[in-house]
Protein backbone atom coordinates (compact mmCIF):
# COMPACT_ATOMS: atom_id res chain seq x y z
CA UNK A 1 0.00 0.00 0.00
CA UNK A 2 1.53 3.36 -0.98
CA UNK A 3 2.22 5.93 1.70
CA UNK A 4 -0.58 8.49 1.80
CA UNK A 5 0.97 10.76 4.41
CA UNK A 6 3.73 13.35 4.10
CA UNK A 7 5.05 14.95 7.27
CA UNK A 8 7.14 18.10 6.98
CA UNK A 9 9.09 19.70 9.82
CA UNK A 10 9.51 23.45 9.85
CA UNK A 11 11.53 25.57 12.28
CA UNK A 12 9.76 28.82 13.21
CA UNK A 13 11.69 30.94 15.72
CA UNK A 14 11.76 28.85 18.93
CA UNK A 15 9.18 26.36 17.66
CA UNK A 16 9.18 23.28 15.47
CA UNK A 17 6.01 22.79 13.46
CA UNK A 18 5.01 19.25 12.48
CA UNK A 19 2.91 19.43 9.32
CA UNK A 20 1.16 16.16 8.43
CA UNK A 21 -0.56 16.12 5.04
CA UNK A 22 -2.81 13.34 3.76
CA UNK A 23 -4.14 10.34 5.68
CA UNK A 24 -2.92 9.43 9.16
CA UNK A 25 -3.80 5.78 9.72
CA UNK A 26 -2.44 2.39 10.71
CA UNK A 27 -0.14 2.34 7.66
CA UNK A 28 1.26 5.85 8.12
CA UNK A 29 1.31 6.47 11.89
CA UNK A 30 5.02 5.52 12.05
CA UNK A 31 5.82 8.43 9.74
CA UNK A 32 4.23 10.89 12.17
CA UNK A 33 5.87 9.23 15.17
CA UNK A 34 9.32 9.56 13.57
CA UNK A 35 8.75 13.24 12.81
CA UNK A 36 7.53 13.86 16.36
CA UNK A 37 10.59 12.11 17.77
CA UNK A 38 12.85 14.42 15.77
CA UNK A 39 10.84 17.52 16.72
CA UNK A 40 10.72 16.65 20.42
CA UNK A 41 14.46 15.93 20.54
CA UNK A 42 15.17 19.45 19.27
CA UNK A 43 15.91 22.46 21.45
CA UNK A 44 12.59 24.07 20.47
CA UNK A 45 10.58 25.56 23.31
CA UNK A 46 7.34 24.40 21.67
CA UNK A 47 6.36 21.69 19.19
CA UNK A 48 3.21 22.39 17.19
CA UNK A 49 1.31 19.65 15.36
CA UNK A 50 -0.69 21.46 12.70
CA UNK A 51 -3.63 19.27 11.64
CA UNK A 52 -5.24 21.79 9.27
CA UNK A 53 -4.30 19.95 6.05
CA UNK A 54 -4.76 16.42 7.38
CA UNK A 55 -7.51 14.73 5.38
CA UNK A 56 -8.18 11.64 7.49
CA UNK A 57 -7.27 10.14 10.86
CA UNK A 58 -8.12 6.73 12.30
CA UNK A 59 -7.62 5.21 15.75
CA UNK A 60 -3.94 4.45 15.09
CA UNK A 61 -3.29 8.08 14.18
CA UNK A 62 -5.25 9.23 17.20
CA UNK A 63 -3.19 6.93 19.42
CA UNK A 64 0.08 8.39 18.04
CA UNK A 65 -1.00 11.95 18.80
CA UNK A 66 -2.37 11.11 22.26
CA UNK A 67 0.84 9.22 23.13
CA UNK A 68 2.95 12.23 22.11
CA UNK A 69 0.75 14.62 24.10
CA UNK A 70 1.03 12.44 27.20
CA UNK A 71 4.69 11.52 26.76
CA UNK A 72 7.99 13.18 27.65
CA UNK A 73 7.39 16.29 25.57
CA UNK A 74 3.87 16.84 26.82
CA UNK A 75 4.51 20.30 28.26
CA UNK A 76 5.97 21.54 24.97
CA UNK A 77 3.44 20.09 22.55
CA UNK A 78 0.32 21.83 21.22
CA UNK A 79 -2.15 20.99 18.47
CA UNK A 80 -3.71 23.17 15.79
CA UNK A 81 -7.23 21.80 15.16
CA UNK A 82 -7.90 20.03 11.89
CA UNK A 83 -10.83 20.16 9.48
CA UNK A 84 -14.22 18.88 10.68
CA UNK A 85 -13.62 15.28 9.51
CA UNK A 86 -10.37 15.11 11.49
CA UNK A 87 -11.53 17.08 14.51
CA UNK A 88 -14.64 14.93 14.71
CA UNK A 89 -12.50 11.90 15.55
CA UNK A 90 -11.05 13.73 18.56
CA UNK A 91 -14.53 14.90 19.61
CA UNK A 92 -16.23 11.50 19.23
CA UNK A 93 -13.42 9.80 21.16
CA UNK A 94 -13.97 12.24 24.03
CA UNK A 95 -10.26 13.14 24.00
CA UNK A 96 -10.50 16.65 22.53
CA UNK A 97 -10.93 18.41 25.92
CA UNK A 98 -7.91 16.55 27.36
CA UNK A 99 -5.52 17.48 24.55
CA UNK A 100 -3.60 20.76 24.18
CA UNK A 101 -5.56 22.22 21.25
CA UNK A 102 -4.97 25.87 20.43
CA UNK A 103 -8.12 27.91 19.84
CA UNK A 104 -8.92 27.73 16.15
CA UNK A 105 -11.50 27.34 13.42
CA UNK A 106 -11.26 23.53 13.27
CA UNK A 107 -12.87 23.06 16.69
PDB file of N, CA and C in Angstrom:
ATOM      1  N   UNK A   1       0.855  -1.183   0.000  1.00  0.00           N
ATOM      2  CA  UNK A   1       0.000   0.000   0.000  1.00  0.00           C
ATOM      3  C   UNK A   1       0.901   1.248   0.000  1.00  0.00           C
ATOM      4  N   UNK A   2       0.677   2.171  -0.930  1.00  0.00           N
ATOM      5  CA  UNK A   2       1.527   3.356  -0.981  1.00  0.00           C
ATOM      6  C   UNK A   2       1.271   4.279   0.213  1.00  0.00           C
ATOM      7  N   UNK A   3       2.346   4.967   0.604  1.00  0.00           N
ATOM      8  CA  UNK A   3       2.223   5.934   1.700  1.00  0.00           C
ATOM      9  C   UNK A   3       1.281   7.054   1.259  1.00  0.00           C
ATOM     10  N   UNK A   4       0.360   7.423   2.126  1.00  0.00           N
ATOM     11  CA  UNK A   4      -0.583   8.490   1.796  1.00  0.00           C
ATOM     12  C   UNK A   4      -0.432   9.648   2.767  1.00  0.00           C
ATOM     13  N   UNK A   5       0.721   9.693   3.454  1.00  0.00           N
ATOM     14  CA  UNK A   5       0.974  10.759   4.413  1.00  0.00           C
ATOM     15  C   UNK A   5       2.359  11.325   4.164  1.00  0.00           C
ATOM     16  N   UNK A   6       2.446  12.643   4.167  1.00  0.00           N
ATOM     17  CA  UNK A   6       3.730  13.346   4.105  1.00  0.00           C
ATOM     18  C   UNK A   6       3.784  14.208   5.355  1.00  0.00           C
ATOM     19  N   UNK A   7       4.901  14.150   6.067  1.00  0.00           N
ATOM     20  CA  UNK A   7       5.055  14.954   7.273  1.00  0.00           C
ATOM     21  C   UNK A   7       6.281  15.846   7.104  1.00  0.00           C
ATOM     22  N   UNK A   8       6.052  17.137   7.062  1.00  0.00           N
ATOM     23  CA  UNK A   8       7.144  18.096   6.977  1.00  0.00           C
ATOM     24  C   UNK A   8       7.426  18.659   8.361  1.00  0.00           C
ATOM     25  N   UNK A   9       8.688  19.012   8.593  1.00  0.00           N
ATOM     26  CA  UNK A   9       9.087  19.705   9.817  1.00  0.00           C
ATOM     27  C   UNK A   9       9.575  21.080   9.419  1.00  0.00           C
ATOM     28  N   UNK A  10       9.153  22.068  10.172  1.00  0.00           N
ATOM     29  CA  UNK A  10       9.506  23.447   9.850  1.00  0.00           C
ATOM     30  C   UNK A  10       9.899  24.184  11.132  1.00  0.00           C
ATOM     31  N   UNK A  11      11.084  24.770  11.135  1.00  0.00           N
ATOM     32  CA  UNK A  11      11.526  25.567  12.282  1.00  0.00           C
ATOM     33  C   UNK A  11      10.965  26.976  12.137  1.00  0.00           C
ATOM     34  N   UNK A  12      10.318  27.469  13.190  1.00  0.00           N
ATOM     35  CA  UNK A  12       9.759  28.819  13.207  1.00  0.00           C
ATOM     36  C   UNK A  12      10.139  29.453  14.539  1.00  0.00           C
ATOM     37  N   UNK A  13      11.155  30.306  14.512  1.00  0.00           N
ATOM     38  CA  UNK A  13      11.692  30.944  15.721  1.00  0.00           C
ATOM     39  C   UNK A  13      12.054  29.866  16.736  1.00  0.00           C
ATOM     40  N   UNK A  14      11.430  29.842  17.898  1.00  0.00           N
ATOM     41  CA  UNK A  14      11.760  28.854  18.933  1.00  0.00           C
ATOM     42  C   UNK A  14      10.844  27.630  18.885  1.00  0.00           C
ATOM     43  N   UNK A  15      10.123  27.466  17.781  1.00  0.00           N
ATOM     44  CA  UNK A  15       9.176  26.361  17.656  1.00  0.00           C
ATOM     45  C   UNK A  15       9.558  25.443  16.495  1.00  0.00           C
ATOM     46  N   UNK A  16       9.140  24.195  16.603  1.00  0.00           N
ATOM     47  CA  UNK A  16       9.182  23.276  15.470  1.00  0.00           C
ATOM     48  C   UNK A  16       7.738  22.909  15.156  1.00  0.00           C
ATOM     49  N   UNK A  17       7.366  23.129  13.902  1.00  0.00           N
ATOM     50  CA  UNK A  17       6.014  22.787  13.455  1.00  0.00           C
ATOM     51  C   UNK A  17       6.071  21.445  12.731  1.00  0.00           C
ATOM     52  N   UNK A  18       5.166  20.551  13.113  1.00  0.00           N
ATOM     53  CA  UNK A  18       5.014  19.248  12.483  1.00  0.00           C
ATOM     54  C   UNK A  18       3.775  19.362  11.605  1.00  0.00           C
ATOM     55  N   UNK A  19       3.971  19.153  10.297  1.00  0.00           N
ATOM     56  CA  UNK A  19       2.912  19.435   9.322  1.00  0.00           C
ATOM     57  C   UNK A  19       2.521  18.168   8.555  1.00  0.00           C
ATOM     58  N   UNK A  20       1.618  17.356   9.134  1.00  0.00           N
ATOM     59  CA  UNK A  20       1.164  16.161   8.425  1.00  0.00           C
ATOM     60  C   UNK A  20       0.149  16.517   7.341  1.00  0.00           C
ATOM     61  N   UNK A  21       0.305  15.872   6.181  1.00  0.00           N
ATOM     62  CA  UNK A  21      -0.564  16.124   5.038  1.00  0.00           C
ATOM     63  C   UNK A  21      -1.008  14.782   4.474  1.00  0.00           C
ATOM     64  N   UNK A  22      -2.309  14.588   4.333  1.00  0.00           N
ATOM     65  CA  UNK A  22      -2.814  13.343   3.762  1.00  0.00           C
ATOM     66  C   UNK A  22      -3.618  12.555   4.772  1.00  0.00           C
ATOM     67  N   UNK A  23      -3.352  11.242   4.839  1.00  0.00           N
ATOM     68  CA  UNK A  23      -4.135  10.342   5.684  1.00  0.00           C
ATOM     69  C   UNK A  23      -3.247   9.738   6.769  1.00  0.00           C
ATOM     70  N   UNK A  24      -3.643   9.967   8.013  1.00  0.00           N
ATOM     71  CA  UNK A  24      -2.917   9.426   9.160  1.00  0.00           C
ATOM     72  C   UNK A  24      -3.676   8.203   9.652  1.00  0.00           C
ATOM     73  N   UNK A  25      -3.110   7.020   9.370  1.00  0.00           N
ATOM     74  CA  UNK A  25      -3.800   5.783   9.720  1.00  0.00           C
ATOM     75  C   UNK A  25      -2.797   4.718  10.143  1.00  0.00           C
ATOM     76  N   UNK A  26      -3.269   3.505  10.268  1.00  0.00           N
ATOM     77  CA  UNK A  26      -2.439   2.391  10.710  1.00  0.00           C
ATOM     78  C   UNK A  26      -1.168   2.258   9.864  1.00  0.00           C
ATOM     79  N   UNK A  27      -1.272   2.525   8.572  1.00  0.00           N
ATOM     80  CA  UNK A  27      -0.144   2.339   7.665  1.00  0.00           C
ATOM     81  C   UNK A  27       0.828   3.515   7.667  1.00  0.00           C
ATOM     82  N   UNK A  28       0.415   4.659   8.200  1.00  0.00           N
ATOM     83  CA  UNK A  28       1.262   5.849   8.119  1.00  0.00           C
ATOM     84  C   UNK A  28       1.606   6.453   9.476  1.00  0.00           C
ATOM     85  N   UNK A  29       1.068   5.904  10.554  1.00  0.00           N
ATOM     86  CA  UNK A  29       1.308   6.475  11.889  1.00  0.00           C
ATOM     87  C   UNK A  29       2.796   6.517  12.237  1.00  0.00           C
ATOM     88  N   UNK A  30       3.567   5.525  11.774  1.00  0.00           N
ATOM     89  CA  UNK A  30       5.016   5.522  12.048  1.00  0.00           C
ATOM     90  C   UNK A  30       5.699   6.771  11.505  1.00  0.00           C
ATOM     91  N   UNK A  31       5.241   7.227  10.355  1.00  0.00           N
ATOM     92  CA  UNK A  31       5.821   8.431   9.743  1.00  0.00           C
ATOM     93  C   UNK A  31       5.655   9.640  10.675  1.00  0.00           C
ATOM     94  N   UNK A  32       4.463   9.794  11.231  1.00  0.00           N
ATOM     95  CA  UNK A  32       4.227  10.895  12.171  1.00  0.00           C
ATOM     96  C   UNK A  32       5.063  10.708  13.432  1.00  0.00           C
ATOM     97  N   UNK A  33       5.116   9.495  13.943  1.00  0.00           N
ATOM     98  CA  UNK A  33       5.866   9.228  15.171  1.00  0.00           C
ATOM     99  C   UNK A  33       7.347   9.553  14.991  1.00  0.00           C
ATOM    100  N   UNK A  34       7.911   9.229  13.842  1.00  0.00           N
ATOM    101  CA  UNK A  34       9.319   9.555  13.568  1.00  0.00           C
ATOM    102  C   UNK A  34       9.534  11.064  13.538  1.00  0.00           C
ATOM    103  N   UNK A  35       8.631  11.784  12.880  1.00  0.00           N
ATOM    104  CA  UNK A  35       8.749  13.244  12.807  1.00  0.00           C
ATOM    105  C   UNK A  35       8.620  13.862  14.195  1.00  0.00           C
ATOM    106  N   UNK A  36       7.695  13.347  15.000  1.00  0.00           N
ATOM    107  CA  UNK A  36       7.526  13.863  16.361  1.00  0.00           C
ATOM    108  C   UNK A  36       8.759  13.590  17.212  1.00  0.00           C
ATOM    109  N   UNK A  37       9.372  12.443  17.035  1.00  0.00           N
ATOM    110  CA  UNK A  37      10.585  12.107  17.773  1.00  0.00           C
ATOM    111  C   UNK A  37      11.695  13.111  17.454  1.00  0.00           C
ATOM    112  N   UNK A  38      11.846  13.436  16.187  1.00  0.00           N
ATOM    113  CA  UNK A  38      12.848  14.424  15.769  1.00  0.00           C
ATOM    114  C   UNK A  38      12.516  15.787  16.363  1.00  0.00           C
ATOM    115  N   UNK A  39      11.259  16.200  16.230  1.00  0.00           N
ATOM    116  CA  UNK A  39      10.841  17.520  16.718  1.00  0.00           C
ATOM    117  C   UNK A  39      11.030  17.641  18.229  1.00  0.00           C
ATOM    118  N   UNK A  40      10.640  16.600  18.963  1.00  0.00           N
ATOM    119  CA  UNK A  40      10.718  16.650  20.418  1.00  0.00           C
ATOM    120  C   UNK A  40      12.149  16.525  20.937  1.00  0.00           C
ATOM    121  N   UNK A  41      13.056  16.016  20.118  1.00  0.00           N
ATOM    122  CA  UNK A  41      14.457  15.932  20.537  1.00  0.00           C
ATOM    123  C   UNK A  41      15.216  17.223  20.229  1.00  0.00           C
ATOM    124  N   UNK A  42      14.550  18.167  19.591  1.00  0.00           N
ATOM    125  CA  UNK A  42      15.174  19.452  19.274  1.00  0.00           C
ATOM    126  C   UNK A  42      15.197  20.351  20.512  1.00  0.00           C
ATOM    127  N   UNK A  43      15.841  21.480  20.366  1.00  0.00           N
ATOM    128  CA  UNK A  43      15.912  22.458  21.454  1.00  0.00           C
ATOM    129  C   UNK A  43      14.708  23.409  21.466  1.00  0.00           C
ATOM    130  N   UNK A  44      13.747  23.177  20.587  1.00  0.00           N
ATOM    131  CA  UNK A  44      12.593  24.071  20.470  1.00  0.00           C
ATOM    132  C   UNK A  44      11.842  24.176  21.798  1.00  0.00           C
ATOM    133  N   UNK A  45      11.343  25.372  22.079  1.00  0.00           N
ATOM    134  CA  UNK A  45      10.577  25.565  23.309  1.00  0.00           C
ATOM    135  C   UNK A  45       9.154  25.027  23.164  1.00  0.00           C
ATOM    136  N   UNK A  46       8.691  24.913  21.906  1.00  0.00           N
ATOM    137  CA  UNK A  46       7.340  24.404  21.672  1.00  0.00           C
ATOM    138  C   UNK A  46       7.321  23.613  20.374  1.00  0.00           C
ATOM    139  N   UNK A  47       6.576  22.508  20.377  1.00  0.00           N
ATOM    140  CA  UNK A  47       6.360  21.695  19.187  1.00  0.00           C
ATOM    141  C   UNK A  47       4.874  21.778  18.856  1.00  0.00           C
ATOM    142  N   UNK A  48       4.583  22.187  17.627  1.00  0.00           N
ATOM    143  CA  UNK A  48       3.207  22.394  17.188  1.00  0.00           C
ATOM    144  C   UNK A  48       2.863  21.349  16.128  1.00  0.00           C
ATOM    145  N   UNK A  49       1.823  20.558  16.385  1.00  0.00           N
ATOM    146  CA  UNK A  49       1.311  19.645  15.357  1.00  0.00           C
ATOM    147  C   UNK A  49       0.136  20.352  14.697  1.00  0.00           C
ATOM    148  N   UNK A  50       0.321  20.711  13.445  1.00  0.00           N
ATOM    149  CA  UNK A  50      -0.694  21.460  12.696  1.00  0.00           C
ATOM    150  C   UNK A  50      -1.523  20.475  11.873  1.00  0.00           C
ATOM    151  N   UNK A  51      -2.763  20.256  12.282  1.00  0.00           N
ATOM    152  CA  UNK A  51      -3.632  19.267  11.644  1.00  0.00           C
ATOM    153  C   UNK A  51      -4.516  19.853  10.542  1.00  0.00           C
ATOM    154  N   UNK A  52      -4.316  21.122  10.198  1.00  0.00           N
ATOM    155  CA  UNK A  52      -5.235  21.793   9.267  1.00  0.00           C
ATOM    156  C   UNK A  52      -5.303  21.185   7.879  1.00  0.00           C
ATOM    157  N   UNK A  53      -4.237  20.537   7.403  1.00  0.00           N
ATOM    158  CA  UNK A  53      -4.302  19.950   6.054  1.00  0.00           C
ATOM    159  C   UNK A  53      -4.352  18.425   6.090  1.00  0.00           C
ATOM    160  N   UNK A  54      -4.560  17.857   7.280  1.00  0.00           N
ATOM    161  CA  UNK A  54      -4.763  16.421   7.384  1.00  0.00           C
ATOM    162  C   UNK A  54      -6.152  16.094   6.842  1.00  0.00           C
ATOM    163  N   UNK A  55      -6.238  15.069   6.008  1.00  0.00           N
ATOM    164  CA  UNK A  55      -7.512  14.729   5.376  1.00  0.00           C
ATOM    165  C   UNK A  55      -8.287  13.658   6.135  1.00  0.00           C
ATOM    166  N   UNK A  56      -7.553  12.787   6.851  1.00  0.00           N
ATOM    167  CA  UNK A  56      -8.184  11.636   7.488  1.00  0.00           C
ATOM    168  C   UNK A  56      -7.333  11.205   8.671  1.00  0.00           C
ATOM    169  N   UNK A  57      -7.973  10.725   9.727  1.00  0.00           N
ATOM    170  CA  UNK A  57      -7.269  10.135  10.859  1.00  0.00           C
ATOM    171  C   UNK A  57      -8.094   8.967  11.379  1.00  0.00           C
ATOM    172  N   UNK A  58      -7.415   7.860  11.694  1.00  0.00           N
ATOM    173  CA  UNK A  58      -8.118   6.731  12.303  1.00  0.00           C
ATOM    174  C   UNK A  58      -7.603   6.537  13.723  1.00  0.00           C
ATOM    175  N   UNK A  59      -7.985   5.430  14.350  1.00  0.00           N
ATOM    176  CA  UNK A  59      -7.623   5.213  15.755  1.00  0.00           C
ATOM    177  C   UNK A  59      -6.111   5.091  15.958  1.00  0.00           C
ATOM    178  N   UNK A  60      -5.398   4.562  14.970  1.00  0.00           N
ATOM    179  CA  UNK A  60      -3.940   4.449  15.089  1.00  0.00           C
ATOM    180  C   UNK A  60      -3.299   5.832  15.071  1.00  0.00           C
ATOM    181  N   UNK A  61      -3.790   6.703  14.218  1.00  0.00           N
ATOM    182  CA  UNK A  61      -3.289   8.076  14.179  1.00  0.00           C
ATOM    183  C   UNK A  61      -3.620   8.818  15.454  1.00  0.00           C
ATOM    184  N   UNK A  62      -4.823   8.617  15.934  1.00  0.00           N
ATOM    185  CA  UNK A  62      -5.254   9.228  17.195  1.00  0.00           C
ATOM    186  C   UNK A  62      -4.354   8.765  18.336  1.00  0.00           C
ATOM    187  N   UNK A  63      -4.061   7.488  18.373  1.00  0.00           N
ATOM    188  CA  UNK A  63      -3.192   6.930  19.416  1.00  0.00           C
ATOM    189  C   UNK A  63      -1.798   7.566  19.371  1.00  0.00           C
ATOM    190  N   UNK A  64      -1.249   7.766  18.180  1.00  0.00           N
ATOM    191  CA  UNK A  64       0.076   8.389  18.045  1.00  0.00           C
ATOM    192  C   UNK A  64       0.093   9.801  18.607  1.00  0.00           C
ATOM    193  N   UNK A  65      -0.940  10.564  18.315  1.00  0.00           N
ATOM    194  CA  UNK A  65      -1.005  11.947  18.799  1.00  0.00           C
ATOM    195  C   UNK A  65      -1.219  11.980  20.310  1.00  0.00           C
ATOM    196  N   UNK A  66      -2.112  11.154  20.813  1.00  0.00           N
ATOM    197  CA  UNK A  66      -2.369  11.109  22.259  1.00  0.00           C
ATOM    198  C   UNK A  66      -1.105  10.687  23.004  1.00  0.00           C
ATOM    199  N   UNK A  67      -0.394   9.681  22.484  1.00  0.00           N
ATOM    200  CA  UNK A  67       0.843   9.222  23.134  1.00  0.00           C
ATOM    201  C   UNK A  67       1.870  10.345  23.193  1.00  0.00           C
ATOM    202  N   UNK A  68       1.996  11.110  22.123  1.00  0.00           N
ATOM    203  CA  UNK A  68       2.949  12.226  22.113  1.00  0.00           C
ATOM    204  C   UNK A  68       2.538  13.301  23.115  1.00  0.00           C
ATOM    205  N   UNK A  69       1.248  13.582  23.184  1.00  0.00           N
ATOM    206  CA  UNK A  69       0.748  14.617  24.098  1.00  0.00           C
ATOM    207  C   UNK A  69       0.914  14.215  25.561  1.00  0.00           C
ATOM    208  N   UNK A  70       0.910  12.919  25.827  1.00  0.00           N
ATOM    209  CA  UNK A  70       1.027  12.441  27.205  1.00  0.00           C
ATOM    210  C   UNK A  70       2.436  11.982  27.546  1.00  0.00           C
ATOM    211  N   UNK A  71       3.339  12.019  26.561  1.00  0.00           N
ATOM    212  CA  UNK A  71       4.692  11.519  26.763  1.00  0.00           C
ATOM    213  C   UNK A  71       5.639  12.567  27.319  1.00  0.00           C
ATOM    214  N   UNK A  72       6.931  12.331  27.100  1.00  0.00           N
ATOM    215  CA  UNK A  72       7.986  13.176  27.652  1.00  0.00           C
ATOM    216  C   UNK A  72       7.884  14.646  27.256  1.00  0.00           C
ATOM    217  N   UNK A  73       7.446  14.903  26.037  1.00  0.00           N
ATOM    218  CA  UNK A  73       7.387  16.287  25.574  1.00  0.00           C
ATOM    219  C   UNK A  73       6.055  16.952  25.806  1.00  0.00           C
ATOM    220  N   UNK A  74       5.248  16.376  26.670  1.00  0.00           N
ATOM    221  CA  UNK A  74       3.868  16.836  26.816  1.00  0.00           C
ATOM    222  C   UNK A  74       3.742  18.322  27.128  1.00  0.00           C
ATOM    223  N   UNK A  75       4.623  18.885  27.912  1.00  0.00           N
ATOM    224  CA  UNK A  75       4.510  20.298  28.258  1.00  0.00           C
ATOM    225  C   UNK A  75       4.865  21.234  27.114  1.00  0.00           C
ATOM    226  N   UNK A  76       5.524  20.726  26.108  1.00  0.00           N
ATOM    227  CA  UNK A  76       5.965  21.544  24.971  1.00  0.00           C
ATOM    228  C   UNK A  76       5.074  21.387  23.749  1.00  0.00           C
ATOM    229  N   UNK A  77       4.179  20.433  23.753  1.00  0.00           N
ATOM    230  CA  UNK A  77       3.437  20.093  22.552  1.00  0.00           C
ATOM    231  C   UNK A  77       2.043  20.711  22.545  1.00  0.00           C
ATOM    232  N   UNK A  78       1.677  21.306  21.410  1.00  0.00           N
ATOM    233  CA  UNK A  78       0.324  21.825  21.218  1.00  0.00           C
ATOM    234  C   UNK A  78      -0.187  21.386  19.850  1.00  0.00           C
ATOM    235  N   UNK A  79      -1.503  21.422  19.705  1.00  0.00           N
ATOM    236  CA  UNK A  79      -2.152  20.991  18.465  1.00  0.00           C
ATOM    237  C   UNK A  79      -2.943  22.130  17.850  1.00  0.00           C
ATOM    238  N   UNK A  80      -2.840  22.257  16.531  1.00  0.00           N
ATOM    239  CA  UNK A  80      -3.708  23.166  15.786  1.00  0.00           C
ATOM    240  C   UNK A  80      -4.844  22.301  15.255  1.00  0.00           C
ATOM    241  N   UNK A  81      -6.093  22.650  15.574  1.00  0.00           N
ATOM    242  CA  UNK A  81      -7.231  21.804  15.163  1.00  0.00           C
ATOM    243  C   UNK A  81      -7.282  21.579  13.658  1.00  0.00           C
ATOM    244  N   UNK A  82      -7.766  20.393  13.293  1.00  0.00           N
ATOM    245  CA  UNK A  82      -7.898  20.033  11.890  1.00  0.00           C
ATOM    246  C   UNK A  82      -9.279  20.345  11.343  1.00  0.00           C
ATOM    247  N   UNK A  83      -9.507  19.950  10.095  1.00  0.00           N
ATOM    248  CA  UNK A  83     -10.826  20.157   9.479  1.00  0.00           C
ATOM    249  C   UNK A  83     -11.882  19.307  10.199  1.00  0.00           C
ATOM    250  N   UNK A  84     -13.154  19.575   9.957  1.00  0.00           N
ATOM    251  CA  UNK A  84     -14.225  18.876  10.682  1.00  0.00           C
ATOM    252  C   UNK A  84     -14.107  17.345  10.678  1.00  0.00           C
ATOM    253  N   UNK A  85     -13.724  16.743   9.558  1.00  0.00           N
ATOM    254  CA  UNK A  85     -13.624  15.278   9.505  1.00  0.00           C
ATOM    255  C   UNK A  85     -12.542  14.756  10.450  1.00  0.00           C
ATOM    256  N   UNK A  86     -11.468  15.501  10.588  1.00  0.00           N
ATOM    257  CA  UNK A  86     -10.375  15.109  11.489  1.00  0.00           C
ATOM    258  C   UNK A  86     -10.744  15.442  12.927  1.00  0.00           C
ATOM    259  N   UNK A  87     -11.211  16.651  13.149  1.00  0.00           N
ATOM    260  CA  UNK A  87     -11.532  17.080  14.510  1.00  0.00           C
ATOM    261  C   UNK A  87     -12.655  16.248  15.103  1.00  0.00           C
ATOM    262  N   UNK A  88     -13.548  15.771  14.243  1.00  0.00           N
ATOM    263  CA  UNK A  88     -14.645  14.933  14.705  1.00  0.00           C
ATOM    264  C   UNK A  88     -14.170  13.662  15.389  1.00  0.00           C
ATOM    265  N   UNK A  89     -13.039  13.110  14.935  1.00  0.00           N
ATOM    266  CA  UNK A  89     -12.495  11.899  15.547  1.00  0.00           C
ATOM    267  C   UNK A  89     -12.071  12.190  16.988  1.00  0.00           C
ATOM    268  N   UNK A  90     -11.438  13.346  17.203  1.00  0.00           N
ATOM    269  CA  UNK A  90     -11.050  13.734  18.564  1.00  0.00           C
ATOM    270  C   UNK A  90     -12.288  13.964  19.434  1.00  0.00           C
ATOM    271  N   UNK A  91     -13.306  14.600  18.854  1.00  0.00           N
ATOM    272  CA  UNK A  91     -14.531  14.899  19.609  1.00  0.00           C
ATOM    273  C   UNK A  91     -15.299  13.634  19.973  1.00  0.00           C
ATOM    274  N   UNK A  92     -15.486  12.732  18.997  1.00  0.00           N
ATOM    275  CA  UNK A  92     -16.235  11.499  19.227  1.00  0.00           C
ATOM    276  C   UNK A  92     -15.522  10.611  20.249  1.00  0.00           C
ATOM    277  N   UNK A  93     -14.186  10.624  20.221  1.00  0.00           N
ATOM    278  CA  UNK A  93     -13.416   9.801  21.160  1.00  0.00           C
ATOM    279  C   UNK A  93     -13.496  10.344  22.586  1.00  0.00           C
ATOM    280  N   UNK A  94     -13.921  11.605  22.713  1.00  0.00           N
ATOM    281  CA  UNK A  94     -13.968  12.239  24.025  1.00  0.00           C
ATOM    282  C   UNK A  94     -12.626  12.788  24.484  1.00  0.00           C
ATOM    283  N   UNK A  95     -11.611  12.711  23.618  1.00  0.00           N
ATOM    284  CA  UNK A  95     -10.262  13.140  24.001  1.00  0.00           C
ATOM    285  C   UNK A  95      -9.985  14.618  23.739  1.00  0.00           C
ATOM    286  N   UNK A  96     -10.777  15.258  22.902  1.00  0.00           N
ATOM    287  CA  UNK A  96     -10.499  16.653  22.534  1.00  0.00           C
ATOM    288  C   UNK A  96     -10.284  17.567  23.743  1.00  0.00           C
ATOM    289  N   UNK A  97     -11.128  17.499  24.787  1.00  0.00           N
ATOM    290  CA  UNK A  97     -10.932  18.406  25.921  1.00  0.00           C
ATOM    291  C   UNK A  97      -9.646  18.134  26.715  1.00  0.00           C
ATOM    292  N   UNK A  98      -9.107  16.918  26.603  1.00  0.00           N
ATOM    293  CA  UNK A  98      -7.913  16.548  27.358  1.00  0.00           C
ATOM    294  C   UNK A  98      -6.618  16.889  26.635  1.00  0.00           C
ATOM    295  N   UNK A  99      -6.714  17.235  25.358  1.00  0.00           N
ATOM    296  CA  UNK A  99      -5.519  17.479  24.553  1.00  0.00           C
ATOM    297  C   UNK A  99      -5.253  18.975  24.412  1.00  0.00           C
ATOM    298  N   UNK A 100      -3.996  19.338  24.196  1.00  0.00           N
ATOM    299  CA  UNK A 100      -3.601  20.757  24.180  1.00  0.00           C
ATOM    300  C   UNK A 100      -3.899  21.459  22.851  1.00  0.00           C
ATOM    301  N   UNK A 101      -5.177  21.536  22.493  1.00  0.00           N
ATOM    302  CA  UNK A 101      -5.561  22.220  21.253  1.00  0.00           C
ATOM    303  C   UNK A 101      -5.494  23.734  21.446  1.00  0.00           C
ATOM    304  N   UNK A 102      -4.924  24.409  20.445  1.00  0.00           N
ATOM    305  CA  UNK A 102      -4.968  25.869  20.429  1.00  0.00           C
ATOM    306  C   UNK A 102      -6.357  26.268  19.948  1.00  0.00           C
ATOM    307  N   UNK A 103      -6.824  27.444  20.365  1.00  0.00           N
ATOM    308  CA  UNK A 103      -8.123  27.906  19.836  1.00  0.00           C
ATOM    309  C   UNK A 103      -8.004  28.063  18.318  1.00  0.00           C
ATOM    310  N   UNK A 104      -9.002  27.615  17.597  1.00  0.00           N
ATOM    311  CA  UNK A 104      -8.921  27.735  16.151  1.00  0.00           C
ATOM    312  C   UNK A 104     -10.207  27.350  15.483  1.00  0.00           C
ATOM    313  N   UNK A 105     -10.279  27.572  14.181  1.00  0.00           N
ATOM    314  CA  UNK A 105     -11.500  27.344  13.421  1.00  0.00           C
ATOM    315  C   UNK A 105     -11.888  25.883  13.290  1.00  0.00           C
ATOM    316  N   UNK A 106     -10.948  24.940  13.453  1.00  0.00           N
ATOM    317  CA  UNK A 106     -11.263  23.530  13.266  1.00  0.00           C
ATOM    318  C   UNK A 106     -12.074  22.931  14.398  1.00  0.00           C
ATOM    319  N   UNK A 107     -12.225  23.634  15.513  1.00  0.00           N
ATOM    320  CA  UNK A 107     -12.873  23.060  16.691  1.00  0.00           C
ATOM    321  C   UNK A 107     -14.339  22.995  16.573  1.00  0.00           C
TER     322      UNK A 107
END
